[in-house]
N, C-alpha and C. Protein backbone atom coordinates (compact mmCIF):
# COMPACT_ATOMS: atom_id res chain seq x y z
N MET A 1 111.65 100.26 20.09
CA MET A 1 111.56 99.22 21.23
C MET A 1 112.18 99.66 22.41
N SER A 2 113.58 100.16 22.24
CA SER A 2 114.22 100.92 23.17
C SER A 2 113.40 101.25 24.34
N GLU A 3 112.89 102.53 23.85
CA GLU A 3 111.95 103.27 24.68
C GLU A 3 110.67 102.35 25.37
N GLU A 4 110.38 101.84 24.44
CA GLU A 4 109.27 101.00 25.39
C GLU A 4 109.90 100.10 26.66
N LYS A 5 110.98 99.53 26.54
CA LYS A 5 111.51 98.88 27.51
C LYS A 5 111.79 99.75 28.69
N ASN A 6 112.29 101.08 28.29
CA ASN A 6 112.54 101.79 29.07
C ASN A 6 111.65 102.18 30.02
N THR A 7 110.39 102.49 29.12
CA THR A 7 109.24 102.85 30.29
C THR A 7 108.66 101.69 30.89
N SER A 8 108.48 100.76 30.29
CA SER A 8 108.41 99.30 31.31
C SER A 8 109.04 99.22 32.37
N VAL A 9 110.58 99.85 32.13
CA VAL A 9 111.29 99.30 33.27
C VAL A 9 110.97 100.23 34.39
N GLU A 10 110.86 101.61 33.59
CA GLU A 10 110.48 102.54 35.06
C GLU A 10 109.00 102.81 35.71
N GLU A 11 108.04 101.82 34.71
CA GLU A 11 107.02 101.50 35.65
C GLU A 11 106.92 100.52 36.61
N GLU A 12 108.11 99.54 36.59
CA GLU A 12 108.06 98.47 37.31
C GLU A 12 108.43 98.96 38.68
N LEU A 13 109.68 99.99 38.42
CA LEU A 13 110.58 100.63 39.51
C LEU A 13 109.38 101.36 40.12
N ILE A 14 108.38 102.05 39.86
CA ILE A 14 107.76 103.24 40.47
C ILE A 14 106.59 102.10 41.12
N GLU A 15 106.31 100.76 40.54
CA GLU A 15 105.38 100.12 41.26
C GLU A 15 106.17 99.55 42.45
N ALA A 16 107.03 99.15 42.09
CA ALA A 16 108.28 98.54 42.96
C ALA A 16 108.51 99.48 44.75
N GLU A 17 108.43 100.94 44.10
CA GLU A 17 108.48 101.91 45.07
C GLU A 17 107.10 101.87 45.99
N ASN A 18 106.49 101.88 44.80
CA ASN A 18 104.80 102.25 45.79
C ASN A 18 104.73 100.89 46.60
N ASP A 19 104.50 99.99 46.39
CA ASP A 19 104.42 98.65 47.12
C ASP A 19 105.52 98.52 48.51
N THR A 20 106.60 99.27 48.52
CA THR A 20 107.57 99.18 49.44
C THR A 20 107.10 100.48 50.21
N ALA A 21 106.43 101.25 49.90
CA ALA A 21 105.83 102.85 50.64
C ALA A 21 104.63 102.27 51.13
N SER A 22 103.58 101.47 50.27
CA SER A 22 102.57 100.63 51.12
C SER A 22 102.65 99.51 52.13
N LYS A 23 103.97 99.13 52.24
CA LYS A 23 104.31 97.97 53.10
C LYS A 23 104.49 98.73 54.50
N LYS A 24 105.55 99.90 54.25
CA LYS A 24 106.11 100.58 55.34
C LYS A 24 104.83 101.38 55.94
N SER A 25 103.83 101.83 54.97
CA SER A 25 102.75 102.57 55.95
C SER A 25 102.06 101.61 56.51
N ILE A 26 101.84 100.18 56.16
CA ILE A 26 101.42 99.40 56.68
C ILE A 26 101.76 99.04 58.15
N SER A 27 103.06 98.77 57.97
CA SER A 27 104.06 98.11 59.14
C SER A 27 104.13 99.45 60.17
N LYS A 28 103.76 101.13 59.85
CA LYS A 28 103.82 101.73 60.82
C LYS A 28 102.54 101.79 61.27
N ALA A 29 101.54 101.85 60.71
CA ALA A 29 100.39 102.05 61.00
C ALA A 29 100.06 100.50 61.98
N VAL A 30 100.54 99.25 61.74
CA VAL A 30 100.45 98.27 62.73
C VAL A 30 101.34 98.36 64.01
N VAL A 31 102.26 99.34 64.18
CA VAL A 31 103.35 99.57 65.07
C VAL A 31 102.43 100.61 66.06
N ASP A 32 101.83 101.37 65.58
CA ASP A 32 101.14 102.70 65.88
C ASP A 32 100.06 102.21 66.95
N LEU A 33 99.33 101.06 65.94
CA LEU A 33 98.21 100.53 66.75
C LEU A 33 98.54 99.77 68.37
N ILE A 34 99.97 98.81 67.70
CA ILE A 34 100.35 98.25 68.98
C ILE A 34 100.80 99.03 70.04
N SER A 35 101.17 100.07 69.86
CA SER A 35 101.84 100.86 70.55
C SER A 35 100.48 101.81 71.52
N ILE A 36 99.21 102.03 70.85
CA ILE A 36 98.44 102.65 71.31
C ILE A 36 97.67 101.53 72.75
N ILE A 37 97.57 100.59 71.83
CA ILE A 37 96.95 98.91 72.91
C ILE A 37 97.81 99.16 74.13
N ALA A 38 98.82 98.99 73.94
CA ALA A 38 99.89 98.54 74.95
C ALA A 38 100.28 100.17 76.14
N THR A 39 100.09 101.14 75.63
CA THR A 39 99.76 102.47 76.46
C THR A 39 98.52 101.98 77.01
N SER A 40 97.04 101.72 76.49
CA SER A 40 96.07 102.07 77.18
C SER A 40 96.00 100.84 78.54
N ILE A 41 96.74 99.69 77.99
CA ILE A 41 96.60 98.54 78.93
C ILE A 41 97.15 98.90 80.10
N VAL A 42 98.55 100.02 80.12
CA VAL A 42 99.54 100.16 81.25
C VAL A 42 98.30 101.17 81.90
N ALA A 43 97.95 102.30 81.07
CA ALA A 43 97.11 103.03 81.84
C ALA A 43 95.80 102.82 82.90
N ILE A 44 95.21 101.62 81.98
CA ILE A 44 94.25 101.07 82.51
C ILE A 44 94.90 100.35 83.99
N MET A 45 95.90 99.66 83.86
CA MET A 45 96.47 99.05 84.86
C MET A 45 96.91 100.02 86.32
N VAL A 46 97.47 101.00 85.86
CA VAL A 46 97.91 102.28 86.93
C VAL A 46 96.90 102.67 87.40
N VAL A 47 95.58 102.64 86.98
CA VAL A 47 94.00 103.43 86.94
C VAL A 47 93.69 102.49 88.29
N PHE A 48 93.59 101.24 87.78
CA PHE A 48 93.05 100.08 88.78
C PHE A 48 94.09 99.80 89.99
N THR A 49 95.24 100.18 89.77
CA THR A 49 96.20 100.00 90.92
C THR A 49 96.00 100.95 91.90
N PHE A 50 96.34 101.93 91.46
CA PHE A 50 96.30 103.14 92.15
C PHE A 50 94.90 103.80 92.75
N LEU A 51 93.76 103.79 91.63
CA LEU A 51 92.63 104.63 91.73
C LEU A 51 91.78 103.82 92.04
N PHE A 52 91.35 102.69 91.58
CA PHE A 52 90.50 101.74 92.13
C PHE A 52 90.64 100.42 91.81
N ARG A 53 89.88 99.76 92.55
CA ARG A 53 90.34 98.31 92.99
C ARG A 53 88.55 97.61 92.38
N ILE A 54 89.00 96.48 91.88
CA ILE A 54 87.60 95.20 92.03
C ILE A 54 87.46 94.34 92.97
N VAL A 55 86.17 94.33 93.56
CA VAL A 55 86.09 94.13 94.54
C VAL A 55 85.00 92.98 94.64
N GLY A 56 84.97 91.74 94.75
CA GLY A 56 83.56 90.63 94.78
C GLY A 56 83.11 90.71 96.06
N VAL A 57 81.62 90.36 96.32
CA VAL A 57 81.00 90.43 97.64
C VAL A 57 80.92 88.96 97.67
N SER A 58 80.90 88.55 98.94
CA SER A 58 80.61 87.23 99.49
C SER A 58 79.60 87.17 100.81
N GLY A 59 78.60 86.38 100.44
CA GLY A 59 77.61 86.62 101.67
C GLY A 59 76.87 87.42 101.65
N PRO A 60 75.78 87.39 102.60
CA PRO A 60 74.33 88.27 102.70
C PRO A 60 74.38 89.37 103.46
N SER A 61 75.43 89.86 104.18
CA SER A 61 75.83 90.79 105.39
C SER A 61 75.20 91.94 104.60
N MET A 62 75.11 92.37 103.79
CA MET A 62 74.89 93.90 102.97
C MET A 62 73.41 93.74 102.25
N MET A 63 72.72 92.30 102.27
CA MET A 63 71.43 92.48 101.55
C MET A 63 70.51 93.76 102.07
N ASP A 64 69.74 94.51 101.73
CA ASP A 64 69.42 94.02 100.09
C ASP A 64 70.20 95.21 99.24
N THR A 65 71.06 96.08 99.68
CA THR A 65 71.74 96.95 99.13
C THR A 65 72.99 96.16 98.01
N LEU A 66 73.41 94.94 98.67
CA LEU A 66 74.51 94.31 98.24
C LEU A 66 74.17 92.69 98.17
N ARG A 67 74.45 92.13 96.99
CA ARG A 67 74.15 90.84 97.11
C ARG A 67 75.30 89.73 97.04
N ASP A 68 75.34 88.24 97.36
CA ASP A 68 76.51 87.83 97.16
C ASP A 68 76.60 87.50 95.77
N GLY A 69 77.98 87.67 95.43
CA GLY A 69 78.62 87.44 94.05
C GLY A 69 78.25 88.71 93.03
N ASP A 70 77.91 89.61 93.80
CA ASP A 70 77.91 91.44 93.21
C ASP A 70 79.48 91.72 92.90
N TRP A 71 79.88 92.42 92.10
CA TRP A 71 80.98 92.65 91.70
C TRP A 71 81.13 94.70 91.81
N LEU A 72 82.23 94.81 92.37
CA LEU A 72 82.18 96.25 92.82
C LEU A 72 83.57 96.95 92.22
N ILE A 73 83.17 98.50 92.04
CA ILE A 73 84.17 99.15 91.71
C ILE A 73 84.28 99.98 93.51
N VAL A 74 85.90 99.87 93.47
CA VAL A 74 85.95 100.57 94.93
C VAL A 74 87.08 101.72 94.37
N SER A 75 86.80 103.02 95.24
CA SER A 75 87.77 103.80 95.02
C SER A 75 88.84 103.94 96.22
N ALA A 76 90.39 103.94 95.61
CA ALA A 76 91.08 103.64 96.49
C ALA A 76 91.60 104.95 97.55
N PHE A 77 91.07 105.86 96.85
CA PHE A 77 90.83 107.27 97.94
C PHE A 77 89.72 107.51 98.44
N ILE A 78 89.74 107.67 100.04
CA ILE A 78 88.95 107.67 100.86
C ILE A 78 89.78 108.36 102.16
N THR A 79 89.63 109.80 101.90
CA THR A 79 90.27 110.83 103.19
C THR A 79 89.98 110.54 104.33
N GLU A 80 88.85 110.42 104.33
CA GLU A 80 88.48 110.45 105.83
C GLU A 80 86.74 109.69 105.27
N PRO A 81 86.70 108.47 106.58
CA PRO A 81 85.31 108.12 106.22
C PRO A 81 84.33 108.74 106.52
N GLU A 82 82.98 108.64 106.30
CA GLU A 82 81.79 109.44 106.58
C GLU A 82 80.47 108.46 106.71
N ARG A 83 79.87 108.71 107.78
CA ARG A 83 78.88 108.12 108.00
C ARG A 83 77.98 107.70 106.68
N GLY A 84 77.74 106.65 106.45
CA GLY A 84 76.83 106.09 105.36
C GLY A 84 77.51 105.63 104.27
N ASP A 85 79.09 105.61 104.29
CA ASP A 85 79.74 105.45 103.17
C ASP A 85 79.75 103.50 103.14
N ILE A 86 79.65 103.16 102.16
CA ILE A 86 80.11 101.44 102.22
C ILE A 86 81.43 101.25 101.66
N VAL A 87 81.98 100.67 102.74
CA VAL A 87 83.42 100.45 102.27
C VAL A 87 83.77 99.19 102.66
N ILE A 88 85.12 98.94 102.04
CA ILE A 88 86.07 97.67 102.17
C ILE A 88 86.83 97.58 103.38
N VAL A 89 86.86 96.69 104.49
CA VAL A 89 87.86 96.96 105.49
C VAL A 89 88.83 95.72 105.46
N THR A 90 90.00 95.82 105.55
CA THR A 90 90.98 94.97 105.46
C THR A 90 91.58 94.36 106.72
N GLN A 91 91.15 95.00 108.15
CA GLN A 91 91.85 95.20 109.46
C GLN A 91 91.50 93.43 109.46
N PRO A 92 92.53 93.05 110.35
CA PRO A 92 92.74 91.54 110.52
C PRO A 92 91.30 91.15 111.57
N ASN A 93 90.68 89.92 111.23
CA ASN A 93 89.19 89.45 112.04
C ASN A 93 89.45 88.08 112.21
N ALA A 94 88.57 87.95 112.80
CA ALA A 94 88.20 86.04 113.29
C ALA A 94 88.05 85.70 112.08
N TYR A 95 87.68 86.18 110.68
CA TYR A 95 87.46 85.18 109.41
C TYR A 95 88.51 85.13 108.37
N HIS A 96 89.34 86.03 108.96
CA HIS A 96 90.54 86.06 108.12
C HIS A 96 90.48 86.65 106.36
N GLU A 97 89.24 87.47 106.53
CA GLU A 97 89.24 88.20 105.18
C GLU A 97 88.59 89.50 105.03
N PRO A 98 88.64 90.22 103.99
CA PRO A 98 88.35 91.82 103.95
C PRO A 98 86.84 91.66 104.28
N ILE A 99 86.10 92.62 104.60
CA ILE A 99 84.79 93.01 104.69
C ILE A 99 83.80 94.02 104.21
N VAL A 100 82.75 94.11 103.72
CA VAL A 100 82.19 95.15 102.90
C VAL A 100 81.18 95.58 104.06
N LYS A 101 81.01 96.54 104.61
CA LYS A 101 80.05 97.00 105.57
C LYS A 101 79.81 98.74 105.20
N ARG A 102 79.00 98.80 105.83
CA ARG A 102 78.75 100.42 105.76
C ARG A 102 79.12 101.09 107.27
N VAL A 103 79.43 102.25 107.33
CA VAL A 103 80.14 103.30 108.27
C VAL A 103 78.53 103.82 108.84
N ILE A 104 78.95 103.43 110.24
CA ILE A 104 77.60 104.08 111.16
C ILE A 104 78.07 104.89 111.82
N ALA A 105 79.49 105.26 112.26
CA ALA A 105 79.88 105.95 113.67
C ALA A 105 81.15 106.18 113.05
N VAL A 106 81.85 107.52 113.27
CA VAL A 106 83.23 107.78 113.33
C VAL A 106 83.51 108.50 114.38
N GLU A 107 85.06 108.55 114.19
CA GLU A 107 85.83 109.32 115.89
C GLU A 107 85.15 110.13 116.46
N GLY A 108 84.53 110.38 117.48
CA GLY A 108 84.29 111.27 118.13
C GLY A 108 82.24 111.10 118.02
N ASP A 109 81.95 110.21 117.69
CA ASP A 109 80.53 109.84 117.51
C ASP A 109 80.25 108.99 118.85
N THR A 110 79.10 109.30 119.37
CA THR A 110 78.51 108.41 120.42
C THR A 110 77.48 107.54 119.93
N ILE A 111 77.65 106.36 119.68
CA ILE A 111 76.62 105.02 119.32
C ILE A 111 75.59 104.52 120.16
N ASP A 112 74.52 104.77 120.28
CA ASP A 112 73.85 103.83 121.11
C ASP A 112 72.94 103.15 120.34
N ILE A 113 72.72 101.80 120.63
CA ILE A 113 71.69 100.78 120.11
C ILE A 113 70.72 100.07 120.99
N ASP A 114 69.30 100.57 120.74
CA ASP A 114 68.28 100.00 121.60
C ASP A 114 67.80 98.53 120.73
N PHE A 115 68.37 97.71 121.38
CA PHE A 115 68.12 96.18 120.18
C PHE A 115 67.03 95.71 120.70
N GLU A 116 65.98 96.23 121.62
CA GLU A 116 64.86 95.92 122.02
C GLU A 116 64.03 96.66 121.02
N ASN A 117 64.10 97.43 120.44
CA ASN A 117 62.95 98.38 119.56
C ASN A 117 63.74 98.91 118.11
N ALA A 118 64.87 98.09 118.21
CA ALA A 118 65.83 98.14 116.67
C ALA A 118 66.28 99.57 116.29
N VAL A 119 66.70 100.20 117.05
CA VAL A 119 66.58 101.98 117.17
C VAL A 119 68.26 102.23 117.07
N VAL A 120 68.69 102.70 116.38
CA VAL A 120 70.12 102.99 116.22
C VAL A 120 70.20 104.82 116.20
N LYS A 121 71.10 105.15 117.43
CA LYS A 121 71.25 106.37 117.73
C LYS A 121 72.61 106.91 117.59
N ILE A 122 72.81 107.96 116.84
CA ILE A 122 74.00 108.60 116.73
C ILE A 122 74.11 110.04 117.29
N ASN A 123 75.00 110.18 118.49
CA ASN A 123 74.90 111.79 118.96
C ASN A 123 73.71 111.82 119.66
N GLY A 124 72.95 111.07 120.16
CA GLY A 124 71.55 111.25 120.63
C GLY A 124 70.25 111.13 119.62
N GLU A 125 70.46 111.26 118.51
CA GLU A 125 69.80 111.07 117.32
C GLU A 125 69.46 109.91 116.81
N VAL A 126 67.87 109.62 116.80
CA VAL A 126 67.90 108.33 115.91
C VAL A 126 68.40 108.44 114.65
N ILE A 127 68.79 107.84 113.79
CA ILE A 127 69.18 107.80 112.23
C ILE A 127 68.19 106.88 111.38
N ASN A 128 67.92 107.51 110.33
CA ASN A 128 67.10 106.89 108.97
C ASN A 128 67.95 106.10 108.40
N GLU A 129 67.62 104.62 108.42
CA GLU A 129 68.11 103.79 107.78
C GLU A 129 67.33 102.81 106.64
N PRO A 130 67.10 103.56 105.68
CA PRO A 130 65.93 102.80 104.78
C PRO A 130 66.32 101.89 103.94
N TYR A 131 67.76 101.44 103.82
CA TYR A 131 68.73 100.52 103.18
C TYR A 131 68.61 99.15 104.29
N LEU A 132 68.14 99.21 105.29
CA LEU A 132 68.34 97.85 105.77
C LEU A 132 67.32 96.82 105.15
N GLY A 133 68.17 95.54 105.68
CA GLY A 133 67.62 94.06 105.04
C GLY A 133 66.72 93.64 105.89
N SER A 134 67.21 93.81 107.39
CA SER A 134 66.56 92.98 108.57
C SER A 134 67.15 94.06 109.66
N PRO A 135 66.62 94.42 110.73
CA PRO A 135 66.03 95.46 111.75
C PRO A 135 67.65 94.92 112.85
N THR A 136 67.87 96.14 113.52
CA THR A 136 69.15 95.80 114.34
C THR A 136 68.33 95.24 115.81
N THR A 137 68.20 93.93 115.66
CA THR A 137 68.04 93.43 116.89
C THR A 137 68.70 92.62 117.60
N ASN A 138 70.03 92.20 117.08
CA ASN A 138 70.55 90.90 117.71
C ASN A 138 72.25 91.82 118.00
N ASP A 139 72.17 91.71 119.58
CA ASP A 139 73.53 92.26 119.97
C ASP A 139 74.38 91.30 120.22
N GLU A 140 75.71 91.39 119.76
CA GLU A 140 76.81 90.33 120.12
C GLU A 140 77.41 90.33 121.00
N GLY A 141 77.47 91.38 121.75
CA GLY A 141 77.64 91.52 123.22
C GLY A 141 79.26 91.89 123.52
N ALA A 142 79.69 92.80 122.36
CA ALA A 142 81.26 93.36 122.32
C ALA A 142 81.25 94.82 122.97
N TRP A 143 80.10 95.42 123.42
CA TRP A 143 80.26 96.39 123.93
C TRP A 143 79.15 96.98 124.96
N GLN A 144 79.35 97.65 125.77
CA GLN A 144 78.16 98.49 126.54
C GLN A 144 77.97 99.62 125.95
N TYR A 145 76.46 100.09 125.71
CA TYR A 145 76.03 100.98 124.89
C TYR A 145 75.46 102.47 125.93
N PRO A 146 75.80 103.63 125.71
CA PRO A 146 76.30 104.24 124.42
C PRO A 146 77.70 103.94 124.55
N LEU A 147 78.46 104.18 123.33
CA LEU A 147 79.75 103.76 123.24
C LEU A 147 80.41 105.25 122.20
N THR A 148 81.14 105.86 122.95
CA THR A 148 81.72 107.00 122.28
C THR A 148 83.25 106.65 121.84
N LEU A 149 83.56 106.73 120.42
CA LEU A 149 84.33 106.26 119.29
C LEU A 149 85.44 107.47 119.26
N LYS A 150 86.70 106.38 119.82
CA LYS A 150 87.76 107.30 120.07
C LYS A 150 88.66 107.74 118.39
N GLU A 151 89.61 108.59 118.42
CA GLU A 151 90.04 109.05 117.31
C GLU A 151 90.75 107.91 116.46
N GLY A 152 90.25 108.03 115.42
CA GLY A 152 90.62 106.98 114.31
C GLY A 152 89.65 105.66 114.20
N GLN A 153 88.82 105.81 115.05
CA GLN A 153 87.83 104.40 115.21
C GLN A 153 86.68 105.02 114.26
N VAL A 154 86.45 103.32 113.73
CA VAL A 154 85.28 103.41 113.27
C VAL A 154 84.08 102.37 113.31
N PHE A 155 82.71 102.54 113.56
CA PHE A 155 81.94 101.49 113.71
C PHE A 155 81.20 100.98 112.29
N VAL A 156 81.30 99.98 112.11
CA VAL A 156 80.72 99.59 110.83
C VAL A 156 79.74 98.20 110.97
N MET A 157 78.63 98.24 110.58
CA MET A 157 77.67 97.39 110.42
C MET A 157 77.10 96.97 108.95
N GLY A 158 76.48 95.90 108.81
CA GLY A 158 76.20 95.21 107.56
C GLY A 158 74.52 95.73 107.44
N ASP A 159 74.34 95.93 106.47
CA ASP A 159 72.77 96.25 105.90
C ASP A 159 71.67 95.44 106.45
N ASN A 160 72.15 94.11 106.25
CA ASN A 160 71.54 92.92 106.78
C ASN A 160 71.80 92.81 108.24
N ARG A 161 71.13 93.44 109.09
CA ARG A 161 71.72 93.43 110.63
C ARG A 161 71.60 91.80 111.07
N MET A 162 70.27 90.96 110.66
CA MET A 162 70.55 89.84 111.52
C MET A 162 71.42 88.92 111.05
N HIS A 163 71.92 89.54 109.82
CA HIS A 163 72.84 88.20 109.46
C HIS A 163 74.20 88.90 109.17
N SER A 164 74.66 89.82 109.73
CA SER A 164 76.04 90.53 109.93
C SER A 164 76.89 90.27 110.83
N SER A 165 77.83 90.09 110.62
CA SER A 165 79.15 90.08 111.76
C SER A 165 79.96 91.31 111.52
N ASP A 166 80.03 92.01 112.67
CA ASP A 166 80.15 93.30 112.34
C ASP A 166 80.84 94.40 113.47
N SER A 167 80.85 95.15 113.61
CA SER A 167 81.54 96.06 114.66
C SER A 167 80.65 95.77 116.01
N ARG A 168 79.71 95.20 115.90
CA ARG A 168 79.05 94.58 117.19
C ARG A 168 79.21 93.54 117.68
N SER A 169 80.23 92.77 116.98
CA SER A 169 81.03 91.61 117.26
C SER A 169 82.35 91.59 118.00
N PRO A 170 82.62 90.83 118.88
CA PRO A 170 84.07 90.73 119.43
C PRO A 170 85.17 90.25 117.94
N ASP A 171 84.54 89.55 116.93
CA ASP A 171 85.21 88.84 116.01
C ASP A 171 85.43 90.04 115.14
N ILE A 172 84.99 91.00 115.03
CA ILE A 172 85.54 92.08 114.16
C ILE A 172 85.61 93.38 114.82
N GLY A 173 84.70 93.68 115.87
CA GLY A 173 84.94 95.11 116.60
C GLY A 173 85.40 96.08 116.09
N LEU A 174 85.68 97.13 116.84
CA LEU A 174 85.79 98.59 116.18
C LEU A 174 87.02 98.76 114.75
N ILE A 175 86.74 99.43 113.85
CA ILE A 175 87.74 99.55 112.79
C ILE A 175 88.69 100.66 112.92
N ASP A 176 89.88 100.40 112.87
CA ASP A 176 90.94 101.54 112.53
C ASP A 176 90.73 101.93 111.09
N GLU A 177 90.34 103.22 110.95
CA GLU A 177 90.32 103.79 109.81
C GLU A 177 91.37 103.45 108.59
N ASN A 178 92.60 103.48 109.19
CA ASN A 178 93.64 103.33 108.11
C ASN A 178 93.66 101.40 107.43
N TYR A 179 92.55 100.99 108.15
CA TYR A 179 92.45 99.51 107.35
C TYR A 179 91.10 99.53 106.52
N ILE A 180 90.63 100.89 106.15
CA ILE A 180 89.39 100.99 105.11
C ILE A 180 90.26 101.27 103.70
N LEU A 181 90.17 100.02 103.20
CA LEU A 181 90.82 100.18 101.87
C LEU A 181 90.19 101.02 100.65
N GLY A 182 89.05 101.36 100.68
CA GLY A 182 88.31 102.35 100.13
C GLY A 182 86.69 102.18 100.30
N GLN A 183 86.19 103.29 99.31
CA GLN A 183 84.69 103.21 99.49
C GLN A 183 84.30 102.58 98.12
N VAL A 184 83.08 101.95 98.01
CA VAL A 184 82.36 101.36 97.24
C VAL A 184 81.54 102.39 96.12
N MET A 185 82.13 102.66 94.92
CA MET A 185 81.77 103.84 94.25
C MET A 185 80.46 103.04 93.19
N MET A 186 80.66 101.88 93.18
CA MET A 186 79.86 101.16 91.89
C MET A 186 79.55 99.75 91.90
N ARG A 187 78.31 99.02 91.69
CA ARG A 187 77.98 97.75 91.32
C ARG A 187 78.26 97.94 89.69
N PHE A 188 79.10 97.05 89.33
CA PHE A 188 78.96 96.87 87.69
C PHE A 188 78.59 95.64 87.22
N SER A 189 78.43 94.47 88.47
CA SER A 189 77.80 93.27 87.73
C SER A 189 77.25 92.58 88.81
N PRO A 190 75.75 92.15 88.48
CA PRO A 190 75.51 91.88 87.21
C PRO A 190 74.94 93.13 86.44
N ILE A 191 75.23 92.86 85.31
CA ILE A 191 74.77 94.09 84.20
C ILE A 191 73.44 94.75 84.38
N SER A 192 72.39 93.97 84.88
CA SER A 192 71.39 94.13 84.91
C SER A 192 70.57 95.02 86.03
N GLU A 193 71.88 95.15 87.16
CA GLU A 193 71.89 95.91 88.55
C GLU A 193 72.82 96.53 88.50
N ILE A 194 73.32 97.32 87.70
CA ILE A 194 74.34 98.51 87.45
C ILE A 194 73.70 99.71 88.62
N LYS A 195 74.77 99.99 89.36
CA LYS A 195 74.20 101.13 90.48
C LYS A 195 75.55 101.99 91.04
N PHE A 196 75.16 103.05 91.20
CA PHE A 196 75.95 104.25 91.46
C PHE A 196 75.53 104.31 93.22
N PHE A 197 77.05 104.44 93.85
CA PHE A 197 76.93 104.65 95.48
C PHE A 197 77.53 106.02 96.03
N GLY A 198 76.55 106.80 95.99
CA GLY A 198 77.28 108.39 96.46
C GLY A 198 77.48 108.42 98.06
N ASP A 199 77.52 109.58 98.35
CA ASP A 199 77.53 109.92 99.78
C ASP A 199 76.08 109.77 100.28
N TYR A 200 76.07 108.96 101.54
CA TYR A 200 74.37 108.75 102.11
C TYR A 200 74.34 109.76 103.25
N ASP A 201 73.04 110.37 103.05
CA ASP A 201 72.73 111.59 104.07
C ASP A 201 71.93 110.78 105.11
N TYR A 202 72.14 111.05 106.55
CA TYR A 202 70.92 110.19 107.26
C TYR A 202 70.18 111.11 107.71
N GLU A 203 69.82 112.13 107.19
CA GLU A 203 68.70 113.11 107.38
C GLU A 203 67.86 112.81 106.82
């Protein structure tokens, strides 16, 4: 009888130890999971703070490339703006808000716009613009063309030229490249219209 009691006590002790070990294992797994989630959240925050930004489109100025209500992923790294880049500009303007436009000309370029025939020339060459939502026929009177850009200057326009306030307008003017927040890399919303934007070749 004594041996049976001892065996029973030993079994209870082993079971208790197993329960304790199991609880410790579950606790460790929970702590590890929380640690992984927290690390992931911090990593995502760092990425989207220093590498990428989320920006919403407001207005029709970039149609049909971008539409009002689109959501974009913007690369914070743009060493030097290039012709054709879609960029976010934070330079102060008459509208007191950032704008999304396409880079048409960069420092050293000479831009000439024939508004009567809706033709844009860069350095004497007519550029190919299949992305246009409307033709370049409205001159807002900011400049005399041809216009040569100085160091650090960028000339931007919306793709929907008839409905875009951009570098043609004194309300926006030429852009100091230091005010370019980043280059638009991707439209991720609406989901049905996900699109990646790479470097554009005018040739």
